[in-house]
Amino acid sequence: MLIDFHIHVFPDALAPKVIPKLAAISGYDNQTNGTLASTLEKMQEWGVDKGVFLSIATKPSQQHSINDFCVSIASDTVIPFGSVHPDAPDWEPELERIAALGLKGIKLHPDYQGFDMGERRLLPIFQKARDLGLCVVVHAGFDPLSPEHIHCKPKDCRQVLDACPGLKLILAHMGGMRLWDDVEQYLVGAPVWLDTACCAGAIDPGQLLRIIQKHGAQKILFASDCPWSDPRREKAMIEALELPQRERDAIFFGNACRLLEL
């Protein structure tokens, strides 16, 4: 089995507008057209059995409609995560609604939502998500939207973990895109999951292996960041590492099943 923990799709009416804009910002070639149908077709071609589909409320006013969209696409194959915006006055009841709707987590993106991970105003959101049993996926490290300012640094993530014990925090891009040394210093061994999204070709294989071995393969989640990466690239990256098959299986699907209680 292969579970991709980091996939993005958009409503059919929005995808033709959003995908070209995001492709221009990121510099990545999109592997799907951003719609659910295109993504499901590609998942079957790529051998991905299930996916965690992540949406981001880039404006406070988008919370409700985005979470309704997430519920509408849920299936045996699609496991959608909702989103709240830290500047929304009603983020707390919306988190409660997300949990009541049966969504298993939320996605936050500091670059697109305009916050730094070290801001204390974020702690009540993390604490409420923890109390509701929700996973929280956060974009970590470099992002081409704001290349001069890193909004989510490993050191700040460690402070969040210390302040919010029991939080099911998943840091995308192995804990901090392009900040691998800081990941080793501040996050390795901490109670946090790291996903492999967009890491193929971005991280030295030796350092990746060292991080996995020291952090524990049981806290690594296979992820691609589709449509911005073909998951076969991340799969090949993991398969090329000298890991026992049981640890590869944990990364490819076992850890996701355990975390999501599948």
C-alpha atoms as a PDB file:
ATOM      1  CA  MET A   1       0.000   0.000   0.000  1.00  0.00           C
ATOM      2  CA  LEU A   2       1.052   3.603  -0.606  1.00  0.00           C
ATOM      3  CA  ILE A   3      -0.518   6.554   1.213  1.00  0.00           C
ATOM      4  CA  ASP A   4       0.443  10.054   0.100  1.00  0.00           C
ATOM      5  CA  PHE A   5       0.054  12.387   3.094  1.00  0.00           C
ATOM      6  CA  HIS A   6       0.341  15.658   1.148  1.00  0.00           C
ATOM      7  CA  ILE A   7      -1.885  16.274  -1.890  1.00  0.00           C
ATOM      8  CA  HIS A   8      -3.607  19.449  -3.062  1.00  0.00           C
ATOM      9  CA  VAL A   9      -6.779  19.754  -5.137  1.00  0.00           C
ATOM     10  CA  PHE A  10      -9.144  22.641  -5.821  1.00  0.00           C
ATOM     11  CA  PRO A  11     -12.795  22.981  -6.788  1.00  0.00           C
ATOM     12  CA  ASP A  12     -13.285  22.473 -10.513  1.00  0.00           C
ATOM     13  CA  ALA A  13     -14.215  26.125 -11.064  1.00  0.00           C
ATOM     14  CA  LEU A  14     -11.086  27.398  -9.305  1.00  0.00           C
ATOM     15  CA  ALA A  15      -8.409  24.967 -10.479  1.00  0.00           C
ATOM     16  CA  PRO A  16      -7.880  26.554 -13.947  1.00  0.00           C
ATOM     17  CA  LYS A  17      -7.183  29.894 -12.275  1.00  0.00           C
ATOM     18  CA  VAL A  18      -5.205  28.724  -9.261  1.00  0.00           C
ATOM     19  CA  ILE A  19      -2.848  26.159 -10.801  1.00  0.00           C
ATOM     20  CA  PRO A  20      -1.132  28.498 -13.327  1.00  0.00           C
ATOM     21  CA  LYS A  21      -0.703  31.150 -10.634  1.00  0.00           C
ATOM     22  CA  LEU A  22       0.844  28.724  -8.141  1.00  0.00           C
ATOM     23  CA  ALA A  23       3.026  27.152 -10.829  1.00  0.00           C
ATOM     24  CA  ALA A  24       4.420  30.581 -11.682  1.00  0.00           C
ATOM     25  CA  ILE A  25       5.178  31.284  -8.009  1.00  0.00           C
ATOM     26  CA  SER A  26       6.723  27.910  -7.238  1.00  0.00           C
ATOM     27  CA  GLY A  27       8.576  27.250 -10.468  1.00  0.00           C
ATOM     28  CA  TYR A  28       7.310  23.649 -10.383  1.00  0.00           C
ATOM     29  CA  ASP A  29       5.530  21.936 -13.261  1.00  0.00           C
ATOM     30  CA  ASN A  30       2.114  20.748 -12.137  1.00  0.00           C
ATOM     31  CA  GLN A  31       1.576  16.994 -12.470  1.00  0.00           C
ATOM     32  CA  THR A  32      -2.240  17.264 -12.483  1.00  0.00           C
ATOM     33  CA  ASN A  33      -4.634  20.033 -13.479  1.00  0.00           C
ATOM     34  CA  GLY A  34      -5.566  20.479  -9.825  1.00  0.00           C
ATOM     35  CA  THR A  35      -9.025  18.936 -10.007  1.00  0.00           C
ATOM     36  CA  LEU A  36     -10.176  15.942  -8.003  1.00  0.00           C
ATOM     37  CA  ALA A  37     -10.861  13.863 -11.135  1.00  0.00           C
ATOM     38  CA  SER A  38      -7.414  14.511 -12.591  1.00  0.00           C
ATOM     39  CA  THR A  39      -5.724  13.742  -9.280  1.00  0.00           C
ATOM     40  CA  LEU A  40      -7.587  10.475  -8.730  1.00  0.00           C
ATOM     41  CA  GLU A  41      -6.726   9.379 -12.266  1.00  0.00           C
ATOM     42  CA  LYS A  42      -3.049  10.134 -11.686  1.00  0.00           C
ATOM     43  CA  MET A  43      -3.049   8.430  -8.285  1.00  0.00           C
ATOM     44  CA  GLN A  44      -4.230   5.227  -9.930  1.00  0.00           C
ATOM     45  CA  GLU A  45      -1.518   5.560 -12.577  1.00  0.00           C
ATOM     46  CA  TRP A  46       1.142   6.257  -9.926  1.00  0.00           C
ATOM     47  CA  GLY A  47       0.100   3.424  -7.611  1.00  0.00           C
ATOM     48  CA  VAL A  48      -1.083   5.660  -4.764  1.00  0.00           C
ATOM     49  CA  ASP A  49      -3.875   3.930  -2.857  1.00  0.00           C
ATOM     50  CA  LYS A  50      -4.999   6.732  -0.556  1.00  0.00           C
ATOM     51  CA  GLY A  51      -4.175  10.380  -0.080  1.00  0.00           C
ATOM     52  CA  VAL A  52      -4.461  13.071   2.553  1.00  0.00           C
ATOM     53  CA  PHE A  53      -5.829  16.069   0.683  1.00  0.00           C
ATOM     54  CA  LEU A  54      -4.775  19.390   2.178  1.00  0.00           C
ATOM     55  CA  SER A  55      -6.601  22.693   1.728  1.00  0.00           C
ATOM     56  CA  ILE A  56      -5.590  26.128   2.997  1.00  0.00           C
ATOM     57  CA  ALA A  57      -7.836  29.014   4.014  1.00  0.00           C
ATOM     58  CA  THR A  58      -5.775  31.914   2.664  1.00  0.00           C
ATOM     59  CA  LYS A  59      -8.395  34.404   3.871  1.00  0.00           C
ATOM     60  CA  PRO A  60     -10.466  34.317   7.076  1.00  0.00           C
ATOM     61  CA  SER A  61     -13.619  34.430   4.990  1.00  0.00           C
ATOM     62  CA  GLN A  62     -12.708  31.171   3.218  1.00  0.00           C
ATOM     63  CA  GLN A  63     -12.814  28.873   6.253  1.00  0.00           C
ATOM     64  CA  HIS A  64     -16.395  27.707   6.004  1.00  0.00           C
ATOM     65  CA  SER A  65     -16.546  27.127   2.240  1.00  0.00           C
ATOM     66  CA  ILE A  66     -13.171  25.357   2.154  1.00  0.00           C
ATOM     67  CA  ASN A  67     -14.156  22.965   4.897  1.00  0.00           C
ATOM     68  CA  ASP A  68     -17.470  22.254   3.183  1.00  0.00           C
ATOM     69  CA  PHE A  69     -15.502  21.431   0.017  1.00  0.00           C
ATOM     70  CA  CYS A  70     -13.255  19.096   2.003  1.00  0.00           C
ATOM     71  CA  VAL A  71     -16.239  17.174   3.328  1.00  0.00           C
ATOM     72  CA  SER A  72     -17.705  16.910  -0.175  1.00  0.00           C
ATOM     73  CA  ILE A  73     -14.654  15.091  -1.594  1.00  0.00           C
ATOM     74  CA  ALA A  74     -14.148  12.581   1.241  1.00  0.00           C
ATOM     75  CA  SER A  75     -14.101   8.910   0.225  1.00  0.00           C
ATOM     76  CA  ASP A  76     -12.259   5.673   0.934  1.00  0.00           C
ATOM     77  CA  THR A  77      -9.436   7.025  -1.216  1.00  0.00           C
ATOM     78  CA  VAL A  78      -9.581  10.711  -0.254  1.00  0.00           C
ATOM     79  CA  ILE A  79      -8.871  11.748   3.339  1.00  0.00           C
ATOM     80  CA  PRO A  80      -9.381  15.524   3.396  1.00  0.00           C
ATOM     81  CA  PHE A  81      -7.992  17.906   6.016  1.00  0.00           C
ATOM     82  CA  GLY A  82      -9.721  21.221   6.629  1.00  0.00           C
ATOM     83  CA  SER A  83      -8.239  24.593   7.504  1.00  0.00           C
ATOM     84  CA  VAL A  84      -8.737  27.602   9.725  1.00  0.00           C
ATOM     85  CA  HIS A  85      -7.207  31.051   9.409  1.00  0.00           C
ATOM     86  CA  PRO A  86      -5.427  32.441  12.489  1.00  0.00           C
ATOM     87  CA  ASP A  87      -6.914  35.906  11.833  1.00  0.00           C
ATOM     88  CA  ALA A  88     -10.487  34.635  11.686  1.00  0.00           C
ATOM     89  CA  PRO A  89     -12.487  35.688  14.745  1.00  0.00           C
ATOM     90  CA  ASP A  90     -14.382  32.396  14.620  1.00  0.00           C
ATOM     91  CA  TRP A  91     -11.456  29.979  14.214  1.00  0.00           C
ATOM     92  CA  GLU A  92     -12.383  28.149  17.429  1.00  0.00           C
ATOM     93  CA  PRO A  93     -15.977  27.216  16.534  1.00  0.00           C
ATOM     94  CA  GLU A  94     -14.772  26.374  13.037  1.00  0.00           C
ATOM     95  CA  LEU A  95     -12.235  23.942  14.493  1.00  0.00           C
ATOM     96  CA  GLU A  96     -15.062  22.372  16.477  1.00  0.00           C
ATOM     97  CA  ARG A  97     -17.145  22.131  13.284  1.00  0.00           C
ATOM     98  CA  ILE A  98     -14.219  20.505  11.454  1.00  0.00           C
ATOM     99  CA  ALA A  99     -14.030  17.830  14.125  1.00  0.00           C
ATOM    100  CA  ALA A 100     -17.802  17.374  14.137  1.00  0.00           C
ATOM    101  CA  LEU A 101     -17.774  16.938  10.346  1.00  0.00           C
ATOM    102  CA  GLY A 102     -15.426  13.996  10.763  1.00  0.00           C
ATOM    103  CA  LEU A 103     -12.321  15.580   9.222  1.00  0.00           C
ATOM    104  CA  LYS A 104      -9.147  14.214  10.777  1.00  0.00           C
ATOM    105  CA  GLY A 105      -6.989  17.323  10.726  1.00  0.00           C
ATOM    106  CA  ILE A 106      -6.188  20.772   9.410  1.00  0.00           C
ATOM    107  CA  LYS A 107      -3.519  22.385   7.244  1.00  0.00           C
ATOM    108  CA  LEU A 108      -1.854  25.683   8.144  1.00  0.00           C
ATOM    109  CA  HIS A 109       0.525  27.523   5.822  1.00  0.00           C
ATOM    110  CA  PRO A 110       2.406  30.390   7.495  1.00  0.00           C
ATOM    111  CA  ASP A 111       3.502  31.981   4.206  1.00  0.00           C
ATOM    112  CA  TYR A 112       0.028  32.062   2.663  1.00  0.00           C
ATOM    113  CA  GLN A 113      -1.728  32.860   5.952  1.00  0.00           C
ATOM    114  CA  GLY A 114       0.702  35.529   7.138  1.00  0.00           C
ATOM    115  CA  PHE A 115       2.022  34.261  10.459  1.00  0.00           C
ATOM    116  CA  ASP A 116       5.262  33.073  12.001  1.00  0.00           C
ATOM    117  CA  MET A 117       5.358  29.740  13.780  1.00  0.00           C
ATOM    118  CA  GLY A 118       6.883  31.344  16.865  1.00  0.00           C
ATOM    119  CA  GLU A 119       3.959  33.692  17.490  1.00  0.00           C
ATOM    120  CA  ARG A 120       2.251  32.924  20.777  1.00  0.00           C
ATOM    121  CA  ARG A 121      -1.150  33.752  19.281  1.00  0.00           C
ATOM    122  CA  LEU A 122      -0.933  30.427  17.457  1.00  0.00           C
ATOM    123  CA  LEU A 123      -0.729  28.363  20.642  1.00  0.00           C
ATOM    124  CA  PRO A 124      -4.483  28.438  21.410  1.00  0.00           C
ATOM    125  CA  ILE A 125      -5.142  27.041  17.915  1.00  0.00           C
ATOM    126  CA  PHE A 126      -2.668  24.215  18.419  1.00  0.00           C
ATOM    127  CA  GLN A 127      -4.027  23.492  21.891  1.00  0.00           C
ATOM    128  CA  LYS A 128      -7.630  23.423  20.670  1.00  0.00           C
ATOM    129  CA  ALA A 129      -6.706  21.126  17.774  1.00  0.00           C
ATOM    130  CA  ARG A 130      -4.931  18.823  20.227  1.00  0.00           C
ATOM    131  CA  ASP A 131      -7.933  18.764  22.542  1.00  0.00           C
ATOM    132  CA  LEU A 132     -10.178  17.864  19.595  1.00  0.00           C
ATOM    133  CA  GLY A 133      -7.815  15.095  18.511  1.00  0.00           C
ATOM    134  CA  LEU A 134      -7.060  16.764  15.185  1.00  0.00           C
ATOM    135  CA  CYS A 135      -3.782  16.421  13.316  1.00  0.00           C
ATOM    136  CA  VAL A 136      -2.124  19.671  12.252  1.00  0.00           C
ATOM    137  CA  VAL A 137      -0.008  19.811   9.093  1.00  0.00           C
ATOM    138  CA  VAL A 138       2.182  22.914   8.766  1.00  0.00           C
ATOM    139  CA  HIS A 139       4.340  23.991   5.855  1.00  0.00           C
ATOM    140  CA  ALA A 140       7.875  24.215   7.235  1.00  0.00           C
ATOM    141  CA  GLY A 141      10.972  25.954   5.942  1.00  0.00           C
ATOM    142  CA  PHE A 142      11.575  27.769   2.677  1.00  0.00           C
ATOM    143  CA  ASP A 143       8.685  28.701   0.412  1.00  0.00           C
ATOM    144  CA  PRO A 144       9.042  30.485  -2.961  1.00  0.00           C
ATOM    145  CA  LEU A 145       6.124  32.787  -2.107  1.00  0.00           C
ATOM    146  CA  SER A 146       8.307  34.628   0.427  1.00  0.00           C
ATOM    147  CA  PRO A 147      11.887  33.458  -0.136  1.00  0.00           C
ATOM    148  CA  GLU A 148      13.459  36.180   1.991  1.00  0.00           C
ATOM    149  CA  HIS A 149      11.493  35.312   5.119  1.00  0.00           C
ATOM    150  CA  ILE A 150      11.249  31.840   6.628  1.00  0.00           C
ATOM    151  CA  HIS A 151       7.946  31.773   8.502  1.00  0.00           C
ATOM    152  CA  CYS A 152       8.284  28.319  10.039  1.00  0.00           C
ATOM    153  CA  LYS A 153      11.701  27.401  11.463  1.00  0.00           C
ATOM    154  CA  PRO A 154      12.576  24.144  13.259  1.00  0.00           C
ATOM    155  CA  LYS A 155      13.554  26.009  16.447  1.00  0.00           C
ATOM    156  CA  ASP A 156      10.113  27.651  16.649  1.00  0.00           C
ATOM    157  CA  CYS A 157       8.424  24.320  15.951  1.00  0.00           C
ATOM    158  CA  ARG A 158      10.271  22.781  18.879  1.00  0.00           C
ATOM    159  CA  GLN A 159       8.961  25.545  21.135  1.00  0.00           C
ATOM    160  CA  VAL A 160       5.402  24.804  19.978  1.00  0.00           C
ATOM    161  CA  LEU A 161       5.872  21.122  20.758  1.00  0.00           C
ATOM    162  CA  ASP A 162       7.206  21.940  24.219  1.00  0.00           C
ATOM    163  CA  ALA A 163       4.285  24.295  24.894  1.00  0.00           C
ATOM    164  CA  CYS A 164       1.624  21.924  23.564  1.00  0.00           C
ATOM    165  CA  PRO A 165       2.358  18.340  24.640  1.00  0.00           C
ATOM    166  CA  GLY A 166       0.204  15.757  22.934  1.00  0.00           C
ATOM    167  CA  LEU A 167      -0.224  17.774  19.743  1.00  0.00           C
ATOM    168  CA  LYS A 168      -0.303  15.609  16.598  1.00  0.00           C
ATOM    169  CA  LEU A 169       1.923  17.937  14.580  1.00  0.00           C
ATOM    170  CA  ILE A 170       3.110  17.026  11.091  1.00  0.00           C
ATOM    171  CA  LEU A 171       5.798  19.268   9.622  1.00  0.00           C
ATOM    172  CA  ALA A 172       5.931  19.194   5.853  1.00  0.00           C
ATOM    173  CA  HIS A 173       9.141  18.962   3.845  1.00  0.00           C
ATOM    174  CA  MET A 174      11.013  16.883   6.443  1.00  0.00           C
ATOM    175  CA  GLY A 175      10.548  19.544   9.108  1.00  0.00           C
ATOM    176  CA  GLY A 176      11.953  22.492   7.193  1.00  0.00           C
ATOM    177  CA  MET A 177      12.680  22.805   3.476  1.00  0.00           C
ATOM    178  CA  ARG A 178      16.369  23.714   3.026  1.00  0.00           C
ATOM    179  CA  LEU A 179      16.867  23.898   6.804  1.00  0.00           C
ATOM    180  CA  TRP A 180      18.031  20.311   7.225  1.00  0.00           C
ATOM    181  CA  ASP A 181      20.804  21.097   9.738  1.00  0.00           C
ATOM    182  CA  ASP A 182      18.285  22.915  11.954  1.00  0.00           C
ATOM    183  CA  VAL A 183      15.922  19.962  11.641  1.00  0.00           C
ATOM    184  CA  GLU A 184      18.672  17.724  12.983  1.00  0.00           C
ATOM    185  CA  GLN A 185      19.453  20.137  15.803  1.00  0.00           C
ATOM    186  CA  TYR A 186      15.953  20.956  17.020  1.00  0.00           C
ATOM    187  CA  LEU A 187      13.490  18.323  15.794  1.00  0.00           C
ATOM    188  CA  VAL A 188      15.194  14.950  15.538  1.00  0.00           C
ATOM    189  CA  GLY A 189      13.859  12.822  18.381  1.00  0.00           C
ATOM    190  CA  ALA A 190      11.004  15.214  19.203  1.00  0.00           C
ATOM    191  CA  PRO A 191       7.350  14.075  19.278  1.00  0.00           C
ATOM    192  CA  VAL A 192       6.623  15.267  15.752  1.00  0.00           C
ATOM    193  CA  TRP A 193       5.952  13.667  12.365  1.00  0.00           C
ATOM    194  CA  LEU A 194       7.939  14.757   9.314  1.00  0.00           C
ATOM    195  CA  ASP A 195       6.627  14.318   5.778  1.00  0.00           C
ATOM    196  CA  THR A 196       8.725  13.796   2.648  1.00  0.00           C
ATOM    197  CA  ALA A 197       6.834  16.258   0.422  1.00  0.00           C
ATOM    198  CA  CYS A 198       8.904  17.682  -2.443  1.00  0.00           C
ATOM    199  CA  CYS A 199      12.146  16.415  -0.897  1.00  0.00           C
ATOM    200  CA  ALA A 200      13.329  14.281  -3.825  1.00  0.00           C
ATOM    201  CA  GLY A 201      16.331  16.086  -5.255  1.00  0.00           C
ATOM    202  CA  ALA A 202      16.234  18.739  -2.530  1.00  0.00           C
ATOM    203  CA  ILE A 203      17.995  16.934   0.318  1.00  0.00           C
ATOM    204  CA  ASP A 204      21.247  14.984   0.354  1.00  0.00           C
ATOM    205  CA  PRO A 205      20.381  11.264   0.606  1.00  0.00           C
ATOM    206  CA  GLY A 206      22.971  10.740   3.343  1.00  0.00           C
ATOM    207  CA  GLN A 207      21.480  13.456   5.496  1.00  0.00           C
ATOM    208  CA  LEU A 208      17.957  12.187   4.820  1.00  0.00           C
ATOM    209  CA  LEU A 209      18.943   8.706   5.941  1.00  0.00           C
ATOM    210  CA  ARG A 210      20.602  10.091   9.058  1.00  0.00           C
ATOM    211  CA  ILE A 211      17.508  12.124   9.966  1.00  0.00           C
ATOM    212  CA  ILE A 212      15.229   9.108   9.492  1.00  0.00           C
ATOM    213  CA  GLN A 213      17.461   6.826  11.521  1.00  0.00           C
ATOM    214  CA  LYS A 214      17.918   9.281  14.392  1.00  0.00           C
ATOM    215  CA  HIS A 215      14.339  10.545  14.429  1.00  0.00           C
ATOM    216  CA  GLY A 216      12.772   7.122  13.979  1.00  0.00           C
ATOM    217  CA  ALA A 217      11.161   5.793  10.816  1.00  0.00           C
ATOM    218  CA  GLN A 218       7.894   5.457  12.754  1.00  0.00           C
ATOM    219  CA  LYS A 219       7.570   9.270  12.666  1.00  0.00           C
ATOM    220  CA  ILE A 220       8.145   9.743   8.919  1.00  0.00           C
ATOM    221  CA  LEU A 221       5.204  10.058   6.509  1.00  0.00           C
ATOM    222  CA  PHE A 222       5.410   9.481   2.784  1.00  0.00           C
ATOM    223  CA  ALA A 223       4.237  12.584   0.930  1.00  0.00           C
ATOM    224  CA  SER A 224       4.691  14.238  -2.456  1.00  0.00           C
ATOM    225  CA  ASP A 225       3.024  17.704  -2.427  1.00  0.00           C
ATOM    226  CA  CYS A 226       1.128  16.686  -5.566  1.00  0.00           C
ATOM    227  CA  PRO A 227       0.539  18.371  -7.992  1.00  0.00           C
ATOM    228  CA  TRP A 228       3.980  19.922  -7.481  1.00  0.00           C
ATOM    229  CA  SER A 229       5.805  16.604  -7.391  1.00  0.00           C
ATOM    230  CA  ASP A 230       5.203  13.186  -8.870  1.00  0.00           C
ATOM    231  CA  PRO A 231       5.000  10.825  -5.844  1.00  0.00           C
ATOM    232  CA  ARG A 232       7.046   8.262  -7.725  1.00  0.00           C
ATOM    233  CA  ARG A 233      10.054  10.548  -7.199  1.00  0.00           C
ATOM    234  CA  GLU A 234       9.653  10.548  -3.416  1.00  0.00           C
ATOM    235  CA  LYS A 235       8.983   6.808  -3.467  1.00  0.00           C
ATOM    236  CA  ALA A 236      12.204   6.185  -5.381  1.00  0.00           C
ATOM    237  CA  MET A 237      14.045   8.459  -2.936  1.00  0.00           C
ATOM    238  CA  ILE A 238      12.965   6.306   0.023  1.00  0.00           C
ATOM    239  CA  GLU A 239      13.549   3.024  -1.789  1.00  0.00           C
ATOM    240  CA  ALA A 240      17.133   4.071  -2.557  1.00  0.00           C
ATOM    241  CA  LEU A 241      17.949   4.430   1.149  1.00  0.00           C
ATOM    242  CA  GLU A 242      19.440   1.548   3.119  1.00  0.00           C
ATOM    243  CA  LEU A 243      16.389   0.983   5.291  1.00  0.00           C
ATOM    244  CA  PRO A 244      14.831  -2.313   6.399  1.00  0.00           C
ATOM    245  CA  GLN A 245      11.669  -3.170   4.493  1.00  0.00           C
ATOM    246  CA  ARG A 246       9.600  -2.874   7.686  1.00  0.00           C
ATOM    247  CA  GLU A 247      10.723   0.751   8.016  1.00  0.00           C
ATOM    248  CA  ARG A 248       9.948   1.486   4.378  1.00  0.00           C
ATOM    249  CA  ASP A 249       6.491  -0.016   4.861  1.00  0.00           C
ATOM    250  CA  ALA A 250       5.994   2.154   7.935  1.00  0.00           C
ATOM    251  CA  ILE A 251       6.884   5.255   5.932  1.00  0.00           C
ATOM    252  CA  PHE A 252       4.851   4.282   2.876  1.00  0.00           C
ATOM    253  CA  PHE A 253       1.630   3.443   4.713  1.00  0.00           C
ATOM    254  CA  GLY A 254       1.930   2.079   8.254  1.00  0.00           C
ATOM    255  CA  ASN A 255       2.569   5.359  10.040  1.00  0.00           C
ATOM    256  CA  ALA A 256      -0.295   7.076   8.225  1.00  0.00           C
ATOM    257  CA  CYS A 257      -2.674   4.252   9.121  1.00  0.00           C
ATOM    258  CA  ARG A 258      -1.667   4.494  12.754  1.00  0.00           C
ATOM    259  CA  LEU A 259      -1.835   8.297  12.933  1.00  0.00           C
ATOM    260  CA  LEU A 260      -5.193   8.472  11.136  1.00  0.00           C
ATOM    261  CA  GLU A 261      -6.583   5.390  12.879  1.00  0.00           C
ATOM    262  CA  LEU A 262      -7.435   3.739   9.558  1.00  0.00           C
END
